[in-house]
C-alpha cells in the first residue's frame, strides 16, 4: 500500500469515491501501530465524544473535524465502528459509546 497519503480516521465505514475497496476488522494493537507508523493523519471524525475516545485509545490526538473526506487511490482509512446502530438523531455521550461497544476496521482504496 502506498504511504504518500495520510491515514484517514473515520467514525464510520463509508465509500467516499468510486473505486475498489477492501475492508477488514483489525485489533486495537493493529490500529495503534497503523496510526503510530503513519506519515500523517487526517481526521474526519464528526463527533466530539468519538474524537475524545479515539485520542485516548490510540494515544494520539484525533481531532473533531467535520469535513467532506474523499479517499484517494492507495489511501488507507482507520474506521471506528460502533457494534450497533444508535437511534436516529441521537448524539451519543462518551459513556454511551462505551456501552454500545466498538471495533476497528481498515478500509483501503485500491483503484
PDB file of N, CA and C in Angstrom:
ATOM      1  N   UNK A   1       0.854  -1.182   0.000  1.00  0.00           N
ATOM      2  CA  UNK A   1       0.000   0.000   0.000  1.00  0.00           C
ATOM      3  C   UNK A   1       0.897   1.242   0.000  1.00  0.00           C
ATOM      4  N   UNK A   2       0.549   2.213  -0.772  1.00  0.00           N
ATOM      5  CA  UNK A   2       1.315   3.445  -0.860  1.00  0.00           C
ATOM      6  C   UNK A   2       1.252   4.192   0.463  1.00  0.00           C
ATOM      7  N   UNK A   3       2.358   4.862   0.799  1.00  0.00           N
ATOM      8  CA  UNK A   3       2.412   5.620   2.041  1.00  0.00           C
ATOM      9  C   UNK A   3       2.436   7.125   1.815  1.00  0.00           C
ATOM     10  N   UNK A   4       2.183   7.576   0.608  1.00  0.00           N
ATOM     11  CA  UNK A   4       2.240   9.017   0.354  1.00  0.00           C
ATOM     12  C   UNK A   4       1.010   9.750   0.852  1.00  0.00           C
ATOM     13  N   UNK A   5      -0.065   9.049   1.079  1.00  0.00           N
ATOM     14  CA  UNK A   5      -1.293   9.661   1.571  1.00  0.00           C
ATOM     15  C   UNK A   5      -1.341   9.597   3.091  1.00  0.00           C
ATOM     16  N   UNK A   6      -1.960  10.580   3.713  1.00  0.00           N
ATOM     17  CA  UNK A   6      -2.167  10.456   5.161  1.00  0.00           C
ATOM     18  C   UNK A   6      -3.177   9.354   5.455  1.00  0.00           C
ATOM     19  N   UNK A   7      -3.044   8.758   6.615  1.00  0.00           N
ATOM     20  CA  UNK A   7      -4.071   7.805   7.039  1.00  0.00           C
ATOM     21  C   UNK A   7      -5.273   8.627   7.486  1.00  0.00           C
ATOM     22  N   UNK A   8      -6.428   8.225   7.065  1.00  0.00           N
ATOM     23  CA  UNK A   8      -7.656   8.912   7.450  1.00  0.00           C
ATOM     24  C   UNK A   8      -8.262   8.197   8.651  1.00  0.00           C
ATOM     25  N   UNK A   9      -8.837   8.967   9.552  1.00  0.00           N
ATOM     26  CA  UNK A   9      -9.547   8.410  10.696  1.00  0.00           C
ATOM     27  C   UNK A   9     -11.027   8.735  10.487  1.00  0.00           C
ATOM     28  N   UNK A  10     -11.855   7.696  10.431  1.00  0.00           N
ATOM     29  CA  UNK A  10     -13.284   7.852  10.154  1.00  0.00           C
ATOM     30  C   UNK A  10     -14.107   7.264  11.293  1.00  0.00           C
ATOM     31  N   UNK A  11     -15.283   7.836  11.532  1.00  0.00           N
ATOM     32  CA  UNK A  11     -16.176   7.257  12.536  1.00  0.00           C
ATOM     33  C   UNK A  11     -17.336   6.512  11.875  1.00  0.00           C
ATOM     34  N   UNK A  12     -17.038   5.881  10.757  1.00  0.00           N
ATOM     35  CA  UNK A  12     -17.984   5.033  10.051  1.00  0.00           C
ATOM     36  C   UNK A  12     -17.339   4.573   8.760  1.00  0.00           C
ATOM     37  N   UNK A  13     -17.660   3.367   8.335  1.00  0.00           N
ATOM     38  CA  UNK A  13     -17.108   2.839   7.088  1.00  0.00           C
ATOM     39  C   UNK A  13     -17.946   3.371   5.939  1.00  0.00           C
ATOM     40  N   UNK A  14     -17.429   4.373   5.263  1.00  0.00           N
ATOM     41  CA  UNK A  14     -18.155   4.982   4.158  1.00  0.00           C
ATOM     42  C   UNK A  14     -17.294   4.968   2.901  1.00  0.00           C
ATOM     43  N   UNK A  15     -17.936   4.766   1.781  1.00  0.00           N
ATOM     44  CA  UNK A  15     -17.259   4.822   0.491  1.00  0.00           C
ATOM     45  C   UNK A  15     -17.464   6.239  -0.040  1.00  0.00           C
ATOM     46  N   UNK A  16     -16.370   6.984  -0.144  1.00  0.00           N
ATOM     47  CA  UNK A  16     -16.461   8.403  -0.481  1.00  0.00           C
ATOM     48  C   UNK A  16     -16.167   8.708  -1.939  1.00  0.00           C
ATOM     49  N   UNK A  17     -15.728   7.699  -2.690  1.00  0.00           N
ATOM     50  CA  UNK A  17     -15.404   7.912  -4.104  1.00  0.00           C
ATOM     51  C   UNK A  17     -15.531   6.578  -4.828  1.00  0.00           C
ATOM     52  N   UNK A  18     -15.773   6.631  -6.127  1.00  0.00           N
ATOM     53  CA  UNK A  18     -15.801   5.407  -6.921  1.00  0.00           C
ATOM     54  C   UNK A  18     -14.453   4.713  -6.806  1.00  0.00           C
ATOM     55  N   UNK A  19     -14.468   3.399  -6.842  1.00  0.00           N
ATOM     56  CA  UNK A  19     -13.212   2.662  -6.795  1.00  0.00           C
ATOM     57  C   UNK A  19     -13.408   1.284  -6.221  1.00  0.00           C
ATOM     58  N   UNK A  20     -12.299   0.578  -6.081  1.00  0.00           N
ATOM     59  CA  UNK A  20     -12.297  -0.754  -5.490  1.00  0.00           C
ATOM     60  C   UNK A  20     -11.715  -0.648  -4.089  1.00  0.00           C
ATOM     61  N   UNK A  21     -12.407  -1.255  -3.144  1.00  0.00           N
ATOM     62  CA  UNK A  21     -12.029  -1.156  -1.739  1.00  0.00           C
ATOM     63  C   UNK A  21     -11.958  -2.533  -1.107  1.00  0.00           C
ATOM     64  N   UNK A  22     -11.206  -2.604  -0.033  1.00  0.00           N
ATOM     65  CA  UNK A  22     -11.268  -3.762   0.849  1.00  0.00           C
ATOM     66  C   UNK A  22     -11.429  -3.233   2.265  1.00  0.00           C
ATOM     67  N   UNK A  23     -12.098  -4.025   3.090  1.00  0.00           N
ATOM     68  CA  UNK A  23     -12.334  -3.619   4.463  1.00  0.00           C
ATOM     69  C   UNK A  23     -12.226  -4.851   5.339  1.00  0.00           C
ATOM     70  N   UNK A  24     -11.453  -4.744   6.416  1.00  0.00           N
ATOM     71  CA  UNK A  24     -11.318  -5.867   7.328  1.00  0.00           C
ATOM     72  C   UNK A  24     -11.204  -5.358   8.760  1.00  0.00           C
ATOM     73  N   UNK A  25     -11.682  -6.165   9.669  1.00  0.00           N
ATOM     74  CA  UNK A  25     -11.582  -5.842  11.086  1.00  0.00           C
ATOM     75  C   UNK A  25     -10.144  -6.038  11.530  1.00  0.00           C
ATOM     76  N   UNK A  26      -9.657  -5.086  12.346  1.00  0.00           N
ATOM     77  CA  UNK A  26      -8.301  -5.180  12.881  1.00  0.00           C
ATOM     78  C   UNK A  26      -8.358  -5.030  14.401  1.00  0.00           C
ATOM     79  N   UNK A  27      -7.294  -5.450  15.045  1.00  0.00           N
ATOM     80  CA  UNK A  27      -7.214  -5.377  16.506  1.00  0.00           C
ATOM     81  C   UNK A  27      -6.862  -3.955  16.955  1.00  0.00           C
ATOM     82  N   UNK A  28      -7.040  -3.720  18.241  1.00  0.00           N
ATOM     83  CA  UNK A  28      -6.650  -2.436  18.831  1.00  0.00           C
ATOM     84  C   UNK A  28      -5.154  -2.197  18.616  1.00  0.00           C
ATOM     85  N   UNK A  29      -4.346  -3.239  18.790  1.00  0.00           N
ATOM     86  CA  UNK A  29      -2.897  -3.085  18.608  1.00  0.00           C
ATOM     87  C   UNK A  29      -2.555  -2.737  17.164  1.00  0.00           C
ATOM     88  N   UNK A  30      -3.229  -3.369  16.208  1.00  0.00           N
ATOM     89  CA  UNK A  30      -3.003  -3.032  14.796  1.00  0.00           C
ATOM     90  C   UNK A  30      -3.400  -1.587  14.525  1.00  0.00           C
ATOM     91  N   UNK A  31      -4.498  -1.135  15.114  1.00  0.00           N
ATOM     92  CA  UNK A  31      -4.944   0.252  14.930  1.00  0.00           C
ATOM     93  C   UNK A  31      -3.908   1.216  15.480  1.00  0.00           C
ATOM     94  N   UNK A  32      -3.396   0.934  16.675  1.00  0.00           N
ATOM     95  CA  UNK A  32      -2.370   1.796  17.279  1.00  0.00           C
ATOM     96  C   UNK A  32      -1.120   1.850  16.415  1.00  0.00           C
ATOM     97  N   UNK A  33      -0.682   0.700  15.918  1.00  0.00           N
ATOM     98  CA  UNK A  33       0.518   0.651  15.089  1.00  0.00           C
ATOM     99  C   UNK A  33       0.307   1.381  13.764  1.00  0.00           C
ATOM    100  N   UNK A  34      -0.858   1.256  13.194  1.00  0.00           N
ATOM    101  CA  UNK A  34      -1.176   1.951  11.951  1.00  0.00           C
ATOM    102  C   UNK A  34      -1.049   3.460  12.130  1.00  0.00           C
ATOM    103  N   UNK A  35      -1.605   3.963  13.214  1.00  0.00           N
ATOM    104  CA  UNK A  35      -1.533   5.400  13.496  1.00  0.00           C
ATOM    105  C   UNK A  35      -0.101   5.813  13.832  1.00  0.00           C
ATOM    106  N   UNK A  36       0.569   4.986  14.636  1.00  0.00           N
ATOM    107  CA  UNK A  36       1.939   5.302  15.058  1.00  0.00           C
ATOM    108  C   UNK A  36       2.886   5.380  13.862  1.00  0.00           C
ATOM    109  N   UNK A  37       2.685   4.511  12.873  1.00  0.00           N
ATOM    110  CA  UNK A  37       3.608   4.450  11.730  1.00  0.00           C
ATOM    111  C   UNK A  37       3.185   5.333  10.549  1.00  0.00           C
ATOM    112  N   UNK A  38       2.030   5.969  10.648  1.00  0.00           N
ATOM    113  CA  UNK A  38       1.532   6.793   9.537  1.00  0.00           C
ATOM    114  C   UNK A  38       2.383   8.055   9.371  1.00  0.00           C
ATOM    115  N   UNK A  39       2.665   8.428   8.121  1.00  0.00           N
ATOM    116  CA  UNK A  39       3.430   9.667   7.914  1.00  0.00           C
ATOM    117  C   UNK A  39       2.636  10.907   8.344  1.00  0.00           C
ATOM    118  N   UNK A  40       1.312  10.842   8.169  1.00  0.00           N
ATOM    119  CA  UNK A  40       0.421  11.935   8.572  1.00  0.00           C
ATOM    120  C   UNK A  40      -0.943  11.343   8.867  1.00  0.00           C
ATOM    121  N   UNK A  41      -1.748  12.100   9.600  1.00  0.00           N
ATOM    122  CA  UNK A  41      -3.108  11.679   9.932  1.00  0.00           C
ATOM    123  C   UNK A  41      -4.060  12.791   9.530  1.00  0.00           C
ATOM    124  N   UNK A  42      -5.184  12.401   8.949  1.00  0.00           N
ATOM    125  CA  UNK A  42      -6.259  13.367   8.705  1.00  0.00           C
ATOM    126  C   UNK A  42      -7.512  12.808   9.369  1.00  0.00           C
ATOM    127  N   UNK A  43      -8.081  13.584  10.256  1.00  0.00           N
ATOM    128  CA  UNK A  43      -9.286  13.161  10.948  1.00  0.00           C
ATOM    129  C   UNK A  43     -10.517  13.663  10.208  1.00  0.00           C
ATOM    130  N   UNK A  44     -11.458  12.759  10.023  1.00  0.00           N
ATOM    131  CA  UNK A  44     -12.784  13.121   9.510  1.00  0.00           C
ATOM    132  C   UNK A  44     -13.825  12.639  10.519  1.00  0.00           C
ATOM    133  N   UNK A  45     -13.460  12.728  11.800  1.00  0.00           N
ATOM    134  CA  UNK A  45     -14.332  12.291  12.893  1.00  0.00           C
ATOM    135  C   UNK A  45     -15.267  13.444  13.230  1.00  0.00           C
ATOM    136  N   UNK A  46     -16.536  13.238  12.964  1.00  0.00           N
ATOM    137  CA  UNK A  46     -17.518  14.308  13.095  1.00  0.00           C
ATOM    138  C   UNK A  46     -18.259  14.368  14.411  1.00  0.00           C
ATOM    139  N   UNK A  47     -17.792  13.665  15.428  1.00  0.00           N
ATOM    140  CA  UNK A  47     -18.435  13.692  16.739  1.00  0.00           C
ATOM    141  C   UNK A  47     -17.373  13.884  17.821  1.00  0.00           C
ATOM    142  N   UNK A  48     -17.560  14.873  18.674  1.00  0.00           N
ATOM    143  CA  UNK A  48     -16.573  15.218  19.694  1.00  0.00           C
ATOM    144  C   UNK A  48     -16.269  14.054  20.635  1.00  0.00           C
ATOM    145  N   UNK A  49     -17.307  13.375  21.137  1.00  0.00           N
ATOM    146  CA  UNK A  49     -17.072  12.265  22.080  1.00  0.00           C
ATOM    147  C   UNK A  49     -16.256  11.155  21.419  1.00  0.00           C
ATOM    148  N   UNK A  50     -16.504  10.890  20.148  1.00  0.00           N
ATOM    149  CA  UNK A  50     -15.747   9.868  19.429  1.00  0.00           C
ATOM    150  C   UNK A  50     -14.295  10.289  19.281  1.00  0.00           C
ATOM    151  N   UNK A  51     -14.046  11.543  18.961  1.00  0.00           N
ATOM    152  CA  UNK A  51     -12.676  12.047  18.848  1.00  0.00           C
ATOM    153  C   UNK A  51     -11.935  11.898  20.178  1.00  0.00           C
ATOM    154  N   UNK A  52     -12.613  12.162  21.281  1.00  0.00           N
ATOM    155  CA  UNK A  52     -12.002  12.035  22.608  1.00  0.00           C
ATOM    156  C   UNK A  52     -11.648  10.582  22.917  1.00  0.00           C
ATOM    157  N   UNK A  53     -12.563   9.671  22.634  1.00  0.00           N
ATOM    158  CA  UNK A  53     -12.290   8.249  22.866  1.00  0.00           C
ATOM    159  C   UNK A  53     -11.125   7.787  21.998  1.00  0.00           C
ATOM    160  N   UNK A  54     -11.129   8.166  20.731  1.00  0.00           N
ATOM    161  CA  UNK A  54     -10.055   7.766  19.836  1.00  0.00           C
ATOM    162  C   UNK A  54      -8.700   8.306  20.294  1.00  0.00           C
ATOM    163  N   UNK A  55      -8.682   9.534  20.767  1.00  0.00           N
ATOM    164  CA  UNK A  55      -7.443  10.110  21.294  1.00  0.00           C
ATOM    165  C   UNK A  55      -6.904   9.252  22.434  1.00  0.00           C
ATOM    166  N   UNK A  56      -7.781   8.850  23.351  1.00  0.00           N
ATOM    167  CA  UNK A  56      -7.363   8.006  24.477  1.00  0.00           C
ATOM    168  C   UNK A  56      -6.922   6.626  24.010  1.00  0.00           C
ATOM    169  N   UNK A  57      -7.710   5.995  23.152  1.00  0.00           N
ATOM    170  CA  UNK A  57      -7.416   4.630  22.719  1.00  0.00           C
ATOM    171  C   UNK A  57      -6.141   4.538  21.892  1.00  0.00           C
ATOM    172  N   UNK A  58      -5.950   5.492  20.986  1.00  0.00           N
ATOM    173  CA  UNK A  58      -4.828   5.440  20.046  1.00  0.00           C
ATOM    174  C   UNK A  58      -3.581   6.151  20.547  1.00  0.00           C
ATOM    175  N   UNK A  59      -3.706   6.834  21.689  1.00  0.00           N
ATOM    176  CA  UNK A  59      -2.571   7.562  22.282  1.00  0.00           C
ATOM    177  C   UNK A  59      -1.990   8.596  21.323  1.00  0.00           C
ATOM    178  N   UNK A  60      -2.874   9.175  20.498  1.00  0.00           N
ATOM    179  CA  UNK A  60      -2.524  10.208  19.520  1.00  0.00           C
ATOM    180  C   UNK A  60      -3.706  11.169  19.433  1.00  0.00           C
ATOM    181  N   UNK A  61      -3.420  12.447  19.307  1.00  0.00           N
ATOM    182  CA  UNK A  61      -4.500  13.433  19.210  1.00  0.00           C
ATOM    183  C   UNK A  61      -5.302  13.209  17.928  1.00  0.00           C
ATOM    184  N   UNK A  62      -6.584  12.914  18.101  1.00  0.00           N
ATOM    185  CA  UNK A  62      -7.506  12.767  16.974  1.00  0.00           C
ATOM    186  C   UNK A  62      -8.519  13.897  17.085  1.00  0.00           C
ATOM    187  N   UNK A  63      -8.498  14.766  16.122  1.00  0.00           N
ATOM    188  CA  UNK A  63      -9.318  15.979  16.170  1.00  0.00           C
ATOM    189  C   UNK A  63     -10.770  15.703  15.796  1.00  0.00           C
ATOM    190  N   UNK A  64     -11.667  16.437  16.431  1.00  0.00           N
ATOM    191  CA  UNK A  64     -13.056  16.544  15.980  1.00  0.00           C
ATOM    192  C   UNK A  64     -12.988  17.395  14.720  1.00  0.00           C
ATOM    193  N   UNK A  65     -13.462  16.852  13.593  1.00  0.00           N
ATOM    194  CA  UNK A  65     -13.233  17.524  12.318  1.00  0.00           C
ATOM    195  C   UNK A  65     -14.322  17.117  11.324  1.00  0.00           C
ATOM    196  N   UNK A  66     -15.367  17.922  11.237  1.00  0.00           N
ATOM    197  CA  UNK A  66     -16.482  17.624  10.320  1.00  0.00           C
ATOM    198  C   UNK A  66     -16.118  18.138   8.925  1.00  0.00           C
ATOM    199  N   UNK A  67     -15.508  17.252   8.143  1.00  0.00           N
ATOM    200  CA  UNK A  67     -15.099  17.617   6.787  1.00  0.00           C
ATOM    201  C   UNK A  67     -15.732  16.654   5.792  1.00  0.00           C
ATOM    202  N   UNK A  68     -15.746  17.051   4.532  1.00  0.00           N
ATOM    203  CA  UNK A  68     -16.111  16.154   3.446  1.00  0.00           C
ATOM    204  C   UNK A  68     -14.820  15.477   3.001  1.00  0.00           C
ATOM    205  N   UNK A  69     -14.679  14.228   3.355  1.00  0.00           N
ATOM    206  CA  UNK A  69     -13.469  13.471   3.073  1.00  0.00           C
ATOM    207  C   UNK A  69     -13.669  12.634   1.813  1.00  0.00           C
ATOM    208  N   UNK A  70     -12.667  12.589   0.943  1.00  0.00           N
ATOM    209  CA  UNK A  70     -12.689  11.770  -0.269  1.00  0.00           C
ATOM    210  C   UNK A  70     -11.427  10.921  -0.278  1.00  0.00           C
ATOM    211  N   UNK A  71     -11.598   9.626  -0.091  1.00  0.00           N
ATOM    212  CA  UNK A  71     -10.466   8.710  -0.028  1.00  0.00           C
ATOM    213  C   UNK A  71      -9.815   8.578  -1.394  1.00  0.00           C
ATOM    214  N   UNK A  72      -8.496   8.690  -1.436  1.00  0.00           N
ATOM    215  CA  UNK A  72      -7.718   8.632  -2.672  1.00  0.00           C
ATOM    216  C   UNK A  72      -7.262   7.199  -2.952  1.00  0.00           C
ATOM    217  N   UNK A  73      -6.936   6.913  -4.213  1.00  0.00           N
ATOM    218  CA  UNK A  73      -6.359   5.606  -4.552  1.00  0.00           C
ATOM    219  C   UNK A  73      -5.095   5.396  -3.719  1.00  0.00           C
ATOM    220  N   UNK A  74      -4.989   4.202  -3.146  1.00  0.00           N
ATOM    221  CA  UNK A  74      -3.815   3.875  -2.349  1.00  0.00           C
ATOM    222  C   UNK A  74      -3.891   4.363  -0.910  1.00  0.00           C
ATOM    223  N   UNK A  75      -4.949   5.031  -0.556  1.00  0.00           N
ATOM    224  CA  UNK A  75      -5.070   5.585   0.793  1.00  0.00           C
ATOM    225  C   UNK A  75      -5.800   4.618   1.716  1.00  0.00           C
ATOM    226  N   UNK A  76      -5.333   4.551   2.937  1.00  0.00           N
ATOM    227  CA  UNK A  76      -5.967   3.730   3.952  1.00  0.00           C
ATOM    228  C   UNK A  76      -6.738   4.612   4.923  1.00  0.00           C
ATOM    229  N   UNK A  77      -7.795   4.034   5.473  1.00  0.00           N
ATOM    230  CA  UNK A  77      -8.593   4.727   6.485  1.00  0.00           C
ATOM    231  C   UNK A  77      -8.804   3.788   7.665  1.00  0.00           C
ATOM    232  N   UNK A  78      -8.585   4.309   8.848  1.00  0.00           N
ATOM    233  CA  UNK A  78      -8.882   3.587  10.071  1.00  0.00           C
ATOM    234  C   UNK A  78     -10.298   3.952  10.474  1.00  0.00           C
ATOM    235  N   UNK A  79     -11.149   2.948  10.571  1.00  0.00           N
ATOM    236  CA  UNK A  79     -12.559   3.153  10.845  1.00  0.00           C
ATOM    237  C   UNK A  79     -12.869   2.733  12.277  1.00  0.00           C
ATOM    238  N   UNK A  80     -13.501   3.634  13.018  1.00  0.00           N
ATOM    239  CA  UNK A  80     -14.009   3.342  14.353  1.00  0.00           C
ATOM    240  C   UNK A  80     -15.482   3.019  14.180  1.00  0.00           C
ATOM    241  N   UNK A  81     -15.867   1.793  14.441  1.00  0.00           N
ATOM    242  CA  UNK A  81     -17.230   1.338  14.140  1.00  0.00           C
ATOM    243  C   UNK A  81     -17.924   0.875  15.407  1.00  0.00           C
ATOM    244  N   UNK A  82     -19.085   1.453  15.661  1.00  0.00           N
ATOM    245  CA  UNK A  82     -19.901   1.011  16.786  1.00  0.00           C
ATOM    246  C   UNK A  82     -20.430  -0.393  16.513  1.00  0.00           C
ATOM    247  N   UNK A  83     -20.632  -1.171  17.565  1.00  0.00           N
ATOM    248  CA  UNK A  83     -21.124  -2.538  17.414  1.00  0.00           C
ATOM    249  C   UNK A  83     -22.616  -2.615  17.115  1.00  0.00           C
ATOM    250  N   UNK A  84     -23.331  -1.528  17.336  1.00  0.00           N
ATOM    251  CA  UNK A  84     -24.742  -1.473  16.948  1.00  0.00           C
ATOM    252  C   UNK A  84     -25.085  -0.037  16.574  1.00  0.00           C
ATOM    253  N   UNK A  85     -26.184   0.107  15.889  1.00  0.00           N
ATOM    254  CA  UNK A  85     -26.577   1.419  15.382  1.00  0.00           C
ATOM    255  C   UNK A  85     -27.398   2.181  16.436  1.00  0.00           C
ATOM    256  N   UNK A  86     -26.992   3.422  16.731  1.00  0.00           N
ATOM    257  CA  UNK A  86     -27.762   4.203  17.709  1.00  0.00           C
ATOM    258  C   UNK A  86     -29.083   4.690  17.106  1.00  0.00           C
ATOM    259  N   UNK A  87     -30.019   5.089  17.952  1.00  0.00           N
ATOM    260  CA  UNK A  87     -31.286   5.632  17.445  1.00  0.00           C
ATOM    261  C   UNK A  87     -31.051   6.876  16.581  1.00  0.00           C
ATOM    262  N   UNK A  88     -31.951   7.118  15.649  1.00  0.00           N
ATOM    263  CA  UNK A  88     -31.849   8.261  14.752  1.00  0.00           C
ATOM    264  C   UNK A  88     -31.832   9.572  15.527  1.00  0.00           C
ATOM    265  N   UNK A  89     -30.947  10.474  15.111  1.00  0.00           N
ATOM    266  CA  UNK A  89     -30.902  11.817  15.672  1.00  0.00           C
ATOM    267  C   UNK A  89     -30.255  11.937  17.037  1.00  0.00           C
ATOM    268  N   UNK A  90     -29.721  10.852  17.560  1.00  0.00           N
ATOM    269  CA  UNK A  90     -29.112  10.859  18.884  1.00  0.00           C
ATOM    270  C   UNK A  90     -27.619  11.125  18.752  1.00  0.00           C
ATOM    271  N   UNK A  91     -27.106  12.044  19.562  1.00  0.00           N
ATOM    272  CA  UNK A  91     -25.667  12.252  19.662  1.00  0.00           C
ATOM    273  C   UNK A  91     -25.233  11.582  20.951  1.00  0.00           C
ATOM    274  N   UNK A  92     -24.398  10.580  20.816  1.00  0.00           N
ATOM    275  CA  UNK A  92     -24.003   9.768  21.957  1.00  0.00           C
ATOM    276  C   UNK A  92     -22.945  10.452  22.806  1.00  0.00           C
ATOM    277  N   UNK A  93     -23.055  10.243  24.093  1.00  0.00           N
ATOM    278  CA  UNK A  93     -22.008  10.684  25.014  1.00  0.00           C
ATOM    279  C   UNK A  93     -20.893   9.641  24.994  1.00  0.00           C
ATOM    280  N   UNK A  94     -19.797   9.968  25.614  1.00  0.00           N
ATOM    281  CA  UNK A  94     -18.690   9.026  25.699  1.00  0.00           C
ATOM    282  C   UNK A  94     -19.123   7.742  26.406  1.00  0.00           C
ATOM    283  N   UNK A  95     -19.856   7.863  27.498  1.00  0.00           N
ATOM    284  CA  UNK A  95     -20.328   6.690  28.242  1.00  0.00           C
ATOM    285  C   UNK A  95     -21.238   5.830  27.380  1.00  0.00           C
ATOM    286  N   UNK A  96     -22.090   6.449  26.588  1.00  0.00           N
ATOM    287  CA  UNK A  96     -22.990   5.695  25.712  1.00  0.00           C
ATOM    288  C   UNK A  96     -22.215   4.970  24.606  1.00  0.00           C
ATOM    289  N   UNK A  97     -21.189   5.616  24.074  1.00  0.00           N
ATOM    290  CA  UNK A  97     -20.351   4.976  23.051  1.00  0.00           C
ATOM    291  C   UNK A  97     -19.678   3.747  23.642  1.00  0.00           C
ATOM    292  N   UNK A  98     -19.141   3.897  24.853  1.00  0.00           N
ATOM    293  CA  UNK A  98     -18.503   2.760  25.521  1.00  0.00           C
ATOM    294  C   UNK A  98     -19.507   1.628  25.735  1.00  0.00           C
ATOM    295  N   UNK A  99     -20.752   1.976  26.107  1.00  0.00           N
ATOM    296  CA  UNK A  99     -21.787   0.967  26.350  1.00  0.00           C
ATOM    297  C   UNK A  99     -22.177   0.238  25.068  1.00  0.00           C
ATOM    298  N   UNK A 100     -22.215   0.941  23.938  1.00  0.00           N
ATOM    299  CA  UNK A 100     -22.537   0.310  22.658  1.00  0.00           C
ATOM    300  C   UNK A 100     -21.454  -0.687  22.260  1.00  0.00           C
ATOM    301  N   UNK A 101     -20.232  -0.365  22.599  1.00  0.00           N
ATOM    302  CA  UNK A 101     -19.101  -1.176  22.171  1.00  0.00           C
ATOM    303  C   UNK A 101     -18.670  -0.782  20.772  1.00  0.00           C
ATOM    304  N   UNK A 102     -17.478  -1.167  20.400  1.00  0.00           N
ATOM    305  CA  UNK A 102     -16.911  -0.743  19.120  1.00  0.00           C
ATOM    306  C   UNK A 102     -15.793  -1.679  18.714  1.00  0.00           C
ATOM    307  N   UNK A 103     -15.368  -1.528  17.476  1.00  0.00           N
ATOM    308  CA  UNK A 103     -14.192  -2.211  16.964  1.00  0.00           C
ATOM    309  C   UNK A 103     -13.579  -1.350  15.861  1.00  0.00           C
ATOM    310  N   UNK A 104     -12.401  -1.742  15.404  1.00  0.00           N
ATOM    311  CA  UNK A 104     -11.706  -1.013  14.356  1.00  0.00           C
ATOM    312  C   UNK A 104     -11.698  -1.822  13.070  1.00  0.00           C
ATOM    313  N   UNK A 105     -11.732  -1.077  11.957  1.00  0.00           N
ATOM    314  CA  UNK A 105     -11.601  -1.683  10.636  1.00  0.00           C
ATOM    315  C   UNK A 105     -10.559  -0.896   9.841  1.00  0.00           C
ATOM    316  N   UNK A 106      -9.943  -1.575   8.900  1.00  0.00           N
ATOM    317  CA  UNK A 106      -9.035  -0.935   7.957  1.00  0.00           C
ATOM    318  C   UNK A 106      -9.721  -0.925   6.606  1.00  0.00           C
ATOM    319  N   UNK A 107     -10.007   0.273   6.100  1.00  0.00           N
ATOM    320  CA  UNK A 107     -10.646   0.458   4.803  1.00  0.00           C
ATOM    321  C   UNK A 107      -9.582   0.964   3.829  1.00  0.00           C
ATOM    322  N   UNK A 108      -9.305   0.182   2.802  1.00  0.00           N
ATOM    323  CA  UNK A 108      -8.261   0.535   1.836  1.00  0.00           C
ATOM    324  C   UNK A 108      -8.886   0.722   0.456  1.00  0.00           C
ATOM    325  N   UNK A 109      -8.490   1.794  -0.213  1.00  0.00           N
ATOM    326  CA  UNK A 109      -8.946   2.027  -1.588  1.00  0.00           C
ATOM    327  C   UNK A 109      -7.832   1.595  -2.521  1.00  0.00           C
ATOM    328  N   UNK A 110      -8.140   0.661  -3.415  1.00  0.00           N
ATOM    329  CA  UNK A 110      -7.147   0.107  -4.331  1.00  0.00           C
ATOM    330  C   UNK A 110      -7.215   0.717  -5.719  1.00  0.00           C
ATOM    331  N   UNK A 111      -8.373   1.130  -6.136  1.00  0.00           N
ATOM    332  CA  UNK A 111      -8.481   1.643  -7.504  1.00  0.00           C
ATOM    333  C   UNK A 111      -9.597   2.622  -7.637  1.00  0.00           C
TER     334      UNK A 111
END
